[in-house]
Amino acid sequence: MAFLTVENLNVHYGVIHALKDVSFYIDAGEIVTLIGANGAGKSTTLRTISGLVKQSSGTIKFQEHDISNFPAHKIAALGLSHVPEGRRVFPELTVEVNLQMGAFLRRDKQKIIQDMNKVYELFPRLKERKKQLAGSLSGGEQQMLAMGRGLMSNPQLLLLDEPSMGLAPLLVKEIFNIIQEINKLGTTILLVEQNAKMALEIANRAYVLETGKISLSGSAKDLIQDTRVKQAYLGI
């Protein structure tokens, strides 16, 4: 049984049919990426998995649980963490308090301290700025904070929505290196990313979403060589 299975997922926003019979799976330990144009339904897919959007039909199974009708907080408690597009840090709170907010469902105080130290190892800049207000950080640092906060729930599956958006090329490279590092430490990752080339370079497998439907799927190595993907998403 796959770690996460999405079957025939349909989502409507009023009269708009945003996702049309979307089906895919993720195995434990993988990095799987969803690529596609703006408005293809990538963010909606993540938001539906994490319980922020209600599907019209279809099922979502995470490990042995059918989470299709679970509220978002219950899904998070099972070990699924969503880092949304646009960072959404708490600007009036310090870096440290933002990170603590990521662990609000947990009671294992010692392990929370260990995980905080692990986040500071992954993101040394956050450690340097831990007493600073999150709103005063640069865009790249806020992205690191959003990812660090996502990790503080000690997730087994991390959903990342556009982690490189609006970042300078050098920072993009750094963020992608950290994503690989997080994966090596044992967290399975579902990555939505506009930078298709970078996403395909680090992923095991990929799915292409076009106007709410999956049009292509396969190993990331194969898709990066696919003529249709090259023309549509890699600018080649």
Foldseek 3Di string as FASTA:
>chain_A
DAQKWWFQWWADDVPATQAGGATDGHHFLFEEEEEEDPSLCPLVVVCQQLQNGQTPDTWMDHHNDTCNPPHNVVSLLVFEFELHPPLPFDQAAFLQVSLVVLQVVDDPVVVLVVLLVVLCVLPVVCVVRRRPGLNPDDPLVSLSSSVSSRCSNVHQEYEYEASCPPHDPVSSVSVLVSVLVVSVVGHYYYYYHLQLVSSLVRGQKYFYGGSNYTDDIDGSVVLVVDPVCCVRRVVD
